[in-house]
Amino acid sequence: YEIAYKRLKHIYTHGFDHWRIKFYLAQAAYGSGKIKEGESLMR
């Protein structure tokens, strides 16, 4: 999840901002222990 989080965060911040990318990023955040960020993204 940490690897996935870093890669997804990179493409999301570089303009690949379709909501499904945010959804995948939220999953990776939860999986890597970034619960607050995952909750924020889901909200």
All heavy atoms as atom14 arrays in JSON, in Angstrom:
{
  "sequence": "YEIAYKRLKHIYTHGFDHWRIKFYLAQAAYGSGKIKEGESLMR",
  "atom14_mask": [
    [1, 1, 1, 1, 1, 1, 1, 1, 1, 1, 1, 1, 0, 0],
    [1, 1, 1, 1, 1, 1, 1, 1, 1, 0, 0, 0, 0, 0],
    [1, 1, 1, 1, 1, 1, 1, 1, 0, 0, 0, 0, 0, 0],
    [1, 1, 1, 1, 1, 0, 0, 0, 0, 0, 0, 0, 0, 0],
    [1, 1, 1, 1, 1, 1, 1, 1, 1, 1, 1, 1, 0, 0],
    [1, 1, 1, 1, 1, 1, 1, 1, 1, 0, 0, 0, 0, 0],
    [1, 1, 1, 1, 1, 1, 1, 1, 1, 1, 1, 0, 0, 0],
    [1, 1, 1, 1, 1, 1, 1, 1, 0, 0, 0, 0, 0, 0],
    [1, 1, 1, 1, 1, 1, 1, 1, 1, 0, 0, 0, 0, 0],
    [1, 1, 1, 1, 1, 1, 1, 1, 1, 1, 0, 0, 0, 0],
    [1, 1, 1, 1, 1, 1, 1, 1, 0, 0, 0, 0, 0, 0],
    [1, 1, 1, 1, 1, 1, 1, 1, 1, 1, 1, 1, 0, 0],
    [1, 1, 1, 1, 1, 1, 1, 0, 0, 0, 0, 0, 0, 0],
    [1, 1, 1, 1, 1, 1, 1, 1, 1, 1, 0, 0, 0, 0],
    [1, 1, 1, 1, 0, 0, 0, 0, 0, 0, 0, 0, 0, 0],
    [1, 1, 1, 1, 1, 1, 1, 1, 1, 1, 1, 0, 0, 0],
    [1, 1, 1, 1, 1, 1, 1, 1, 0, 0, 0, 0, 0, 0],
    [1, 1, 1, 1, 1, 1, 1, 1, 1, 1, 0, 0, 0, 0],
    [1, 1, 1, 1, 1, 1, 1, 1, 1, 1, 1, 1, 1, 1],
    [1, 1, 1, 1, 1, 1, 1, 1, 1, 1, 1, 0, 0, 0],
    [1, 1, 1, 1, 1, 1, 1, 1, 0, 0, 0, 0, 0, 0],
    [1, 1, 1, 1, 1, 1, 1, 1, 1, 0, 0, 0, 0, 0],
    [1, 1, 1, 1, 1, 1, 1, 1, 1, 1, 1, 0, 0, 0],
    [1, 1, 1, 1, 1, 1, 1, 1, 1, 1, 1, 1, 0, 0],
    [1, 1, 1, 1, 1, 1, 1, 1, 0, 0, 0, 0, 0, 0],
    [1, 1, 1, 1, 1, 0, 0, 0, 0, 0, 0, 0, 0, 0],
    [1, 1, 1, 1, 1, 1, 1, 1, 1, 0, 0, 0, 0, 0],
    [1, 1, 1, 1, 1, 0, 0, 0, 0, 0, 0, 0, 0, 0],
    [1, 1, 1, 1, 1, 0, 0, 0, 0, 0, 0, 0, 0, 0],
    [1, 1, 1, 1, 1, 1, 1, 1, 1, 1, 1, 1, 0, 0],
    [1, 1, 1, 1, 0, 0, 0, 0, 0, 0, 0, 0, 0, 0],
    [1, 1, 1, 1, 1, 1, 0, 0, 0, 0, 0, 0, 0, 0],
    [1, 1, 1, 1, 0, 0, 0, 0, 0, 0, 0, 0, 0, 0],
    [1, 1, 1, 1, 1, 1, 1, 1, 1, 0, 0, 0, 0, 0],
    [1, 1, 1, 1, 1, 1, 1, 1, 0, 0, 0, 0, 0, 0],
    [1, 1, 1, 1, 1, 1, 1, 1, 1, 0, 0, 0, 0, 0],
    [1, 1, 1, 1, 1, 1, 1, 1, 1, 0, 0, 0, 0, 0],
    [1, 1, 1, 1, 0, 0, 0, 0, 0, 0, 0, 0, 0, 0],
    [1, 1, 1, 1, 1, 1, 1, 1, 1, 0, 0, 0, 0, 0],
    [1, 1, 1, 1, 1, 1, 0, 0, 0, 0, 0, 0, 0, 0],
    [1, 1, 1, 1, 1, 1, 1, 1, 0, 0, 0, 0, 0, 0],
    [1, 1, 1, 1, 1, 1, 1, 1, 0, 0, 0, 0, 0, 0],
    [1, 1, 1, 1, 1, 1, 1, 1, 1, 1, 1, 0, 0, 0]
  ],
  "atom14_positions": [
    [[0.8, -1.22, 0.0], [0.0, 0.0, 0.0], [0.83, 1.27, 0.0], [0.43, 2.26, -0.61], [-0.96, -0.01, 1.19], [-2.04, -1.04, 1.07], [-2.0, -2.22, 1.8], [-3.12, -0.83, 0.21], [-3.0, -3.17, 1.67], [-4.12, -1.77, 0.09], [-4.05, -2.95, 0.82], [-5.04, -3.88, 0.68], [0.0, 0.0, 0.0], [0.0, 0.0, 0.0]],
    [[1.97, 1.26, 0.67], [2.8, 2.47, 0.71], [3.35, 2.8, -0.67], [3.35, 3.96, -1.09], [3.94, 2.3, 1.72], [4.77, 3.56, 1.93], [3.99, 4.73, 2.5], [3.04, 4.51, 3.28], [4.32, 5.89, 2.16], [0.0, 0.0, 0.0], [0.0, 0.0, 0.0], [0.0, 0.0, 0.0], [0.0, 0.0, 0.0], [0.0, 0.0, 0.0]],
    [[3.8, 1.78, -1.39], [4.28, 2.0, -2.76], [3.14, 2.51, -3.63], [3.29, 3.48, -4.37], [4.87, 0.69, -3.34], [6.16, 0.32, -2.61], [5.09, 0.8, -4.84], [6.69, -1.05, -2.93], [0.0, 0.0, 0.0], [0.0, 0.0, 0.0], [0.0, 0.0, 0.0], [0.0, 0.0, 0.0], [0.0, 0.0, 0.0], [0.0, 0.0, 0.0]],
    [[1.98, 1.86, -3.53], [0.82, 2.27, -4.31], [0.43, 3.7, -3.97], [0.15, 4.51, -4.86], [-0.35, 1.33, -4.05], [0.0, 0.0, 0.0], [0.0, 0.0, 0.0], [0.0, 0.0, 0.0], [0.0, 0.0, 0.0], [0.0, 0.0, 0.0], [0.0, 0.0, 0.0], [0.0, 0.0, 0.0], [0.0, 0.0, 0.0], [0.0, 0.0, 0.0]],
    [[0.45, 4.03, -2.68], [0.09, 5.38, -2.24], [1.0, 6.43, -2.89], [0.53, 7.43, -3.43], [0.17, 5.47, -0.71], [0.01, 6.87, -0.19], [-1.25, 7.44, -0.04], [1.12, 7.65, 0.1], [-1.4, 8.74, 0.41], [0.99, 8.95, 0.55], [-0.28, 9.49, 0.7], [-0.41, 10.79, 1.13], [0.0, 0.0, 0.0], [0.0, 0.0, 0.0]],
    [[2.3, 6.22, -2.83], [3.25, 7.19, -3.38], [3.05, 7.38, -4.88], [3.08, 8.51, -5.38], [4.69, 6.75, -3.09], [5.09, 6.92, -1.64], [6.49, 6.41, -1.38], [6.86, 6.56, 0.09], [8.17, 5.98, 0.39], [0.0, 0.0, 0.0], [0.0, 0.0, 0.0], [0.0, 0.0, 0.0], [0.0, 0.0, 0.0], [0.0, 0.0, 0.0]],
    [[2.84, 6.28, -5.6], [2.69, 6.38, -7.05], [1.34, 7.05, -7.4], [1.27, 7.88, -8.3], [2.8, 5.01, -7.71], [4.13, 4.3, -7.47], [5.34, 5.18, -7.73], [5.61, 5.3, -9.15], [6.26, 6.31, -9.71], [6.72, 7.3, -8.99], [6.47, 6.34, -11.0], [0.0, 0.0, 0.0], [0.0, 0.0, 0.0], [0.0, 0.0, 0.0]],
    [[0.29, 6.67, -6.71], [-1.03, 7.27, -6.98], [-1.04, 8.76, -6.6], [-1.61, 9.57, -7.31], [-2.12, 6.51, -6.22], [-2.42, 5.11, -6.75], [-3.22, 4.31, -5.73], [-3.14, 5.16, -8.09], [0.0, 0.0, 0.0], [0.0, 0.0, 0.0], [0.0, 0.0, 0.0], [0.0, 0.0, 0.0], [0.0, 0.0, 0.0], [0.0, 0.0, 0.0]],
    [[-0.41, 9.1, -5.5], [-0.33, 10.49, -5.07], [0.4, 11.32, -6.14], [0.0, 12.44, -6.47], [0.4, 10.58, -3.73], [0.46, 11.96, -3.14], [-0.76, 12.26, -2.33], [-0.57, 13.52, -1.51], [-1.71, 13.77, -0.65], [0.0, 0.0, 0.0], [0.0, 0.0, 0.0], [0.0, 0.0, 0.0], [0.0, 0.0, 0.0], [0.0, 0.0, 0.0]],
    [[1.45, 10.74, -6.7], [2.21, 11.43, -7.73], [1.33, 11.75, -8.95], [1.29, 12.9, -9.41], [3.41, 10.59, -8.17], [4.13, 11.15, -9.35], [4.96, 12.23, -9.27], [4.1, 10.79, -10.65], [5.42, 12.52, -10.48], [4.9, 11.66, -11.34], [0.0, 0.0, 0.0], [0.0, 0.0, 0.0], [0.0, 0.0, 0.0], [0.0, 0.0, 0.0]],
    [[0.63, 10.76, -9.48], [-0.16, 11.03, -10.69], [-1.37, 11.91, -10.38], [-1.76, 12.73, -11.22], [-0.58, 9.74, -11.43], [-1.44, 8.82, -10.56], [0.64, 9.02, -11.98], [-1.99, 7.61, -11.29], [0.0, 0.0, 0.0], [0.0, 0.0, 0.0], [0.0, 0.0, 0.0], [0.0, 0.0, 0.0], [0.0, 0.0, 0.0], [0.0, 0.0, 0.0]],
    [[-1.9, 11.78, -9.17], [-3.05, 12.61, -8.81], [-2.65, 14.09, -8.73], [-3.35, 14.96, -9.22], [-3.66, 12.15, -7.48], [-4.92, 12.89, -7.13], [-6.11, 12.64, -7.8], [-4.91, 13.87, -6.15], [-7.27, 13.34, -7.5], [-6.06, 14.58, -5.84], [-7.24, 14.31, -6.51], [-8.38, 15.01, -6.22], [0.0, 0.0, 0.0], [0.0, 0.0, 0.0]],
    [[-1.49, 14.36, -8.15], [-1.03, 15.74, -8.03], [-0.51, 16.3, -9.35], [-0.31, 17.5, -9.48], [0.05, 15.89, -6.94], [1.14, 15.02, -7.25], [-0.5, 15.56, -5.58], [0.0, 0.0, 0.0], [0.0, 0.0, 0.0], [0.0, 0.0, 0.0], [0.0, 0.0, 0.0], [0.0, 0.0, 0.0], [0.0, 0.0, 0.0], [0.0, 0.0, 0.0]],
    [[-0.28, 15.41, -10.34], [0.16, 15.86, -11.66], [-0.97, 15.81, -12.68], [-0.76, 15.59, -13.87], [1.35, 15.02, -12.15], [2.64, 15.45, -11.55], [3.06, 15.02, -10.31], [3.61, 16.3, -11.99], [4.23, 15.57, -10.03], [4.59, 16.35, -11.03], [0.0, 0.0, 0.0], [0.0, 0.0, 0.0], [0.0, 0.0, 0.0], [0.0, 0.0, 0.0]],
    [[-2.2, 16.0, -12.2], [-3.3, 16.21, -13.12], [-4.14, 15.01, -13.5], [-5.11, 15.15, -14.24], [0.0, 0.0, 0.0], [0.0, 0.0, 0.0], [0.0, 0.0, 0.0], [0.0, 0.0, 0.0], [0.0, 0.0, 0.0], [0.0, 0.0, 0.0], [0.0, 0.0, 0.0], [0.0, 0.0, 0.0], [0.0, 0.0, 0.0], [0.0, 0.0, 0.0]],
    [[-3.8, 13.83, -13.01], [-4.63, 12.65, -13.3], [-5.66, 12.59, -12.18], [-5.57, 11.79, -11.27], [-3.77, 11.4, -13.34], [-4.36, 10.26, -14.13], [-5.58, 10.34, -14.77], [-3.65, 9.08, -14.24], [-6.1, 9.28, -15.49], [-4.14, 8.01, -14.97], [-5.38, 8.1, -15.6], [0.0, 0.0, 0.0], [0.0, 0.0, 0.0], [0.0, 0.0, 0.0]],
    [[-6.66, 13.47, -12.26], [-7.53, 13.69, -11.11], [-8.96, 13.21, -11.31], [-9.87, 13.7, -10.66], [-7.51, 15.16, -10.71], [-7.87, 16.08, -11.87], [-8.19, 15.59, -12.96], [-7.82, 17.31, -11.67], [0.0, 0.0, 0.0], [0.0, 0.0, 0.0], [0.0, 0.0, 0.0], [0.0, 0.0, 0.0], [0.0, 0.0, 0.0], [0.0, 0.0, 0.0]],
    [[-9.15, 12.23, -12.18], [-10.47, 11.61, -12.27], [-10.81, 11.02, -10.91], [-9.92, 10.56, -10.19], [-10.46, 10.51, -13.34], [-11.79, 9.9, -13.6], [-12.23, 8.79, -12.92], [-12.79, 10.26, -14.43], [-13.44, 8.48, -13.34], [-13.81, 9.35, -14.26], [0.0, 0.0, 0.0], [0.0, 0.0, 0.0], [0.0, 0.0, 0.0], [0.0, 0.0, 0.0]],
    [[-12.08, 11.01, -10.53], [-12.45, 10.59, -9.18], [-12.03, 9.17, -8.86], [-11.77, 8.83, -7.7], [-13.93, 10.8, -8.9], [-14.9, 9.99, -9.71], [-15.65, 10.42, -10.75], [-15.26, 8.61, -9.5], [-16.44, 9.4, -11.23], [-16.22, 8.28, -10.48], [-14.86, 7.62, -8.6], [-16.79, 7.01, -10.59], [-15.43, 6.36, -8.7], [-16.37, 6.06, -9.68]],
    [[-11.93, 8.29, -9.88], [-11.53, 6.91, -9.56], [-10.09, 6.88, -9.07], [-9.73, 6.02, -8.25], [-11.75, 5.98, -10.75], [-10.7, 6.03, -11.82], [-11.09, 5.24, -13.06], [-9.98, 5.03, -13.95], [-9.43, 5.97, -14.72], [-9.89, 7.21, -14.69], [-8.43, 5.67, -15.52], [0.0, 0.0, 0.0], [0.0, 0.0, 0.0], [0.0, 0.0, 0.0]],
    [[-9.24, 7.8, -9.54], [-7.86, 7.86, -9.06], [-7.86, 8.27, -7.59], [-7.12, 7.72, -6.77], [-7.02, 8.84, -9.9], [-7.11, 8.53, -11.4], [-5.57, 8.85, -9.42], [-6.68, 7.15, -11.8], [0.0, 0.0, 0.0], [0.0, 0.0, 0.0], [0.0, 0.0, 0.0], [0.0, 0.0, 0.0], [0.0, 0.0, 0.0], [0.0, 0.0, 0.0]],
    [[-8.72, 9.21, -7.23], [-8.86, 9.61, -5.83], [-9.36, 8.44, -4.99], [-8.92, 8.24, -3.86], [-9.82, 10.8, -5.71], [-9.84, 11.43, -4.33], [-10.9, 12.51, -4.21], [-10.57, 13.73, -5.01], [-11.55, 14.83, -4.75], [0.0, 0.0, 0.0], [0.0, 0.0, 0.0], [0.0, 0.0, 0.0], [0.0, 0.0, 0.0], [0.0, 0.0, 0.0]],
    [[-10.26, 7.64, -5.55], [-10.77, 6.46, -4.86], [-9.64, 5.45, -4.61], [-9.48, 4.94, -3.5], [-11.89, 5.83, -5.67], [-12.37, 4.51, -5.15], [-12.96, 4.42, -3.9], [-12.24, 3.36, -5.9], [-13.4, 3.2, -3.4], [-12.69, 2.14, -5.42], [-13.27, 2.05, -4.16], [0.0, 0.0, 0.0], [0.0, 0.0, 0.0], [0.0, 0.0, 0.0]],
    [[-8.84, 5.18, -5.65], [-7.7, 4.26, -5.48], [-6.72, 4.83, -4.45], [-6.18, 4.09, -3.62], [-6.97, 4.03, -6.8], [-7.78, 3.37, -7.9], [-7.57, 3.71, -9.23], [-8.74, 2.4, -7.62], [-8.29, 3.11, -10.26], [-9.47, 1.8, -8.64], [-9.23, 2.16, -9.96], [-9.94, 1.55, -10.98], [0.0, 0.0, 0.0], [0.0, 0.0, 0.0]],
    [[-6.48, 6.14, -4.5], [-5.57, 6.79, -3.56], [-6.1, 6.66, -2.14], [-5.32, 6.39, -1.21], [-5.38, 8.26, -3.94], [-4.46, 9.1, -3.06], [-3.05, 8.51, -3.0], [-4.41, 10.54, -3.56], [0.0, 0.0, 0.0], [0.0, 0.0, 0.0], [0.0, 0.0, 0.0], [0.0, 0.0, 0.0], [0.0, 0.0, 0.0], [0.0, 0.0, 0.0]],
    [[-7.4, 6.8, -1.94], [-8.0, 6.63, -0.61], [-7.78, 5.21, -0.11], [-7.44, 5.01, 1.06], [-9.48, 6.97, -0.66], [0.0, 0.0, 0.0], [0.0, 0.0, 0.0], [0.0, 0.0, 0.0], [0.0, 0.0, 0.0], [0.0, 0.0, 0.0], [0.0, 0.0, 0.0], [0.0, 0.0, 0.0], [0.0, 0.0, 0.0], [0.0, 0.0, 0.0]],
    [[-7.97, 4.23, -0.98], [-7.73, 2.83, -0.59], [-6.28, 2.62, -0.16], [-6.01, 1.96, 0.84], [-8.08, 1.89, -1.74], [-9.55, 1.76, -2.02], [-9.81, 0.79, -3.16], [-9.22, 0.91, -4.23], [-10.68, -0.16, -2.92], [0.0, 0.0, 0.0], [0.0, 0.0, 0.0], [0.0, 0.0, 0.0], [0.0, 0.0, 0.0], [0.0, 0.0, 0.0]],
    [[-5.36, 3.19, -0.96], [-3.94, 3.04, -0.63], [-3.6, 3.76, 0.66], [-2.8, 3.27, 1.46], [-3.08, 3.56, -1.79], [0.0, 0.0, 0.0], [0.0, 0.0, 0.0], [0.0, 0.0, 0.0], [0.0, 0.0, 0.0], [0.0, 0.0, 0.0], [0.0, 0.0, 0.0], [0.0, 0.0, 0.0], [0.0, 0.0, 0.0], [0.0, 0.0, 0.0]],
    [[-4.21, 4.91, 0.89], [-3.98, 5.64, 2.13], [-4.44, 4.82, 3.33], [-3.71, 4.68, 4.32], [-4.69, 7.0, 2.09], [0.0, 0.0, 0.0], [0.0, 0.0, 0.0], [0.0, 0.0, 0.0], [0.0, 0.0, 0.0], [0.0, 0.0, 0.0], [0.0, 0.0, 0.0], [0.0, 0.0, 0.0], [0.0, 0.0, 0.0], [0.0, 0.0, 0.0]],
    [[-5.64, 4.26, 3.26], [-6.13, 3.41, 4.34], [-5.19, 2.23, 4.56], [-4.81, 1.93, 5.69], [-7.53, 2.88, 4.03], [-8.65, 3.8, 4.42], [-9.35, 4.53, 3.47], [-9.03, 3.94, 5.76], [-10.38, 5.37, 3.83], [-10.07, 4.78, 6.12], [-10.74, 5.5, 5.15], [-11.76, 6.33, 5.51], [0.0, 0.0, 0.0], [0.0, 0.0, 0.0]],
    [[-4.82, 1.58, 3.47], [-3.98, 0.39, 3.58], [-2.61, 0.66, 4.16], [-2.02, -0.19, 4.82], [0.0, 0.0, 0.0], [0.0, 0.0, 0.0], [0.0, 0.0, 0.0], [0.0, 0.0, 0.0], [0.0, 0.0, 0.0], [0.0, 0.0, 0.0], [0.0, 0.0, 0.0], [0.0, 0.0, 0.0], [0.0, 0.0, 0.0], [0.0, 0.0, 0.0]],
    [[-2.1, 1.88, 3.93], [-0.76, 2.22, 4.43], [-0.81, 2.93, 5.78], [0.2, 3.44, 6.26], [-0.01, 3.08, 3.4], [-0.7, 4.29, 3.16], [0.0, 0.0, 0.0], [0.0, 0.0, 0.0], [0.0, 0.0, 0.0], [0.0, 0.0, 0.0], [0.0, 0.0, 0.0], [0.0, 0.0, 0.0], [0.0, 0.0, 0.0], [0.0, 0.0, 0.0]],
    [[-2.0, 2.95, 6.4], [-2.11, 3.5, 7.75], [-2.38, 4.99, 7.8], [-2.41, 5.57, 8.89], [0.0, 0.0, 0.0], [0.0, 0.0, 0.0], [0.0, 0.0, 0.0], [0.0, 0.0, 0.0], [0.0, 0.0, 0.0], [0.0, 0.0, 0.0], [0.0, 0.0, 0.0], [0.0, 0.0, 0.0], [0.0, 0.0, 0.0], [0.0, 0.0, 0.0]],
    [[-2.61, 5.62, 6.66], [-2.92, 7.06, 6.63], [-4.44, 7.23, 6.71], [-5.09, 7.66, 5.76], [-2.35, 7.68, 5.35], [-0.83, 7.61, 5.28], [-0.35, 7.99, 3.9], [1.15, 7.89, 3.77], [1.69, 6.55, 3.99], [0.0, 0.0, 0.0], [0.0, 0.0, 0.0], [0.0, 0.0, 0.0], [0.0, 0.0, 0.0], [0.0, 0.0, 0.0]],
    [[-4.97, 6.87, 7.86], [-6.42, 6.8, 8.05], [-7.09, 8.15, 7.85], [-8.1, 8.26, 7.14], [-6.76, 6.22, 9.44], [-6.07, 4.87, 9.67], [-8.27, 6.12, 9.62], [-6.4, 3.8, 8.64], [0.0, 0.0, 0.0], [0.0, 0.0, 0.0], [0.0, 0.0, 0.0], [0.0, 0.0, 0.0], [0.0, 0.0, 0.0], [0.0, 0.0, 0.0]],
    [[-6.53, 9.19, 8.44], [-7.15, 10.52, 8.32], [-7.18, 10.99, 6.88], [-8.17, 11.56, 6.42], [-6.43, 11.54, 9.21], [-6.71, 11.34, 10.68], [-6.09, 12.42, 11.52], [-6.43, 12.17, 12.98], [-5.87, 13.18, 13.87], [0.0, 0.0, 0.0], [0.0, 0.0, 0.0], [0.0, 0.0, 0.0], [0.0, 0.0, 0.0], [0.0, 0.0, 0.0]],
    [[-6.09, 10.77, 6.16], [-6.07, 11.16, 4.75], [-7.06, 10.33, 3.94], [-7.77, 10.87, 3.09], [-4.67, 11.02, 4.14], [-4.62, 11.52, 2.71], [-3.23, 11.55, 2.12], [-2.25, 11.28, 2.83], [-3.13, 11.84, 0.91], [0.0, 0.0, 0.0], [0.0, 0.0, 0.0], [0.0, 0.0, 0.0], [0.0, 0.0, 0.0], [0.0, 0.0, 0.0]],
    [[-7.12, 9.04, 4.23], [-8.09, 8.19, 3.54], [-9.52, 8.65, 3.79], [-10.33, 8.73, 2.86], [0.0, 0.0, 0.0], [0.0, 0.0, 0.0], [0.0, 0.0, 0.0], [0.0, 0.0, 0.0], [0.0, 0.0, 0.0], [0.0, 0.0, 0.0], [0.0, 0.0, 0.0], [0.0, 0.0, 0.0], [0.0, 0.0, 0.0], [0.0, 0.0, 0.0]],
    [[-9.81, 8.99, 5.06], [-11.16, 9.48, 5.4], [-11.45, 10.8, 4.7], [-12.56, 11.01, 4.19], [-11.29, 9.64, 6.91], [-11.36, 8.33, 7.65], [-11.35, 8.5, 9.17], [-11.09, 9.63, 9.65], [-11.59, 7.49, 9.86], [0.0, 0.0, 0.0], [0.0, 0.0, 0.0], [0.0, 0.0, 0.0], [0.0, 0.0, 0.0], [0.0, 0.0, 0.0]],
    [[-10.47, 11.68, 4.65], [-10.65, 12.97, 4.0], [-10.93, 12.79, 2.5], [-11.83, 13.42, 1.94], [-9.4, 13.83, 4.21], [-9.5, 15.03, 3.48], [0.0, 0.0, 0.0], [0.0, 0.0, 0.0], [0.0, 0.0, 0.0], [0.0, 0.0, 0.0], [0.0, 0.0, 0.0], [0.0, 0.0, 0.0], [0.0, 0.0, 0.0], [0.0, 0.0, 0.0]],
    [[-10.17, 11.92, 1.86], [-10.39, 11.66, 0.44], [-11.77, 11.06, 0.19], [-12.45, 11.43, -0.78], [-9.3, 10.71, -0.09], [-7.91, 11.32, -0.25], [-6.86, 10.24, -0.39], [-7.87, 12.27, -1.43], [0.0, 0.0, 0.0], [0.0, 0.0, 0.0], [0.0, 0.0, 0.0], [0.0, 0.0, 0.0], [0.0, 0.0, 0.0], [0.0, 0.0, 0.0]],
    [[-12.19, 10.16, 1.07], [-13.51, 9.54, 0.91], [-14.62, 10.57, 1.11], [-15.62, 10.56, 0.39], [-13.67, 8.37, 1.89], [-12.74, 7.2, 1.58], [-12.91, 6.57, -0.09], [-14.34, 5.56, 0.1], [0.0, 0.0, 0.0], [0.0, 0.0, 0.0], [0.0, 0.0, 0.0], [0.0, 0.0, 0.0], [0.0, 0.0, 0.0], [0.0, 0.0, 0.0]],
    [[-14.44, 11.48, 2.07], [-15.42, 12.55, 2.26], [-15.52, 13.41, 1.02], [-16.61, 13.78, 0.57], [-15.07, 13.39, 3.48], [-15.76, 12.94, 4.76], [-15.63, 13.97, 5.87], [-14.26, 14.3, 6.21], [-13.48, 13.55, 7.0], [-13.94, 12.45, 7.52], [-12.25, 13.92, 7.25], [0.0, 0.0, 0.0], [0.0, 0.0, 0.0], [0.0, 0.0, 0.0]]
  ]
}
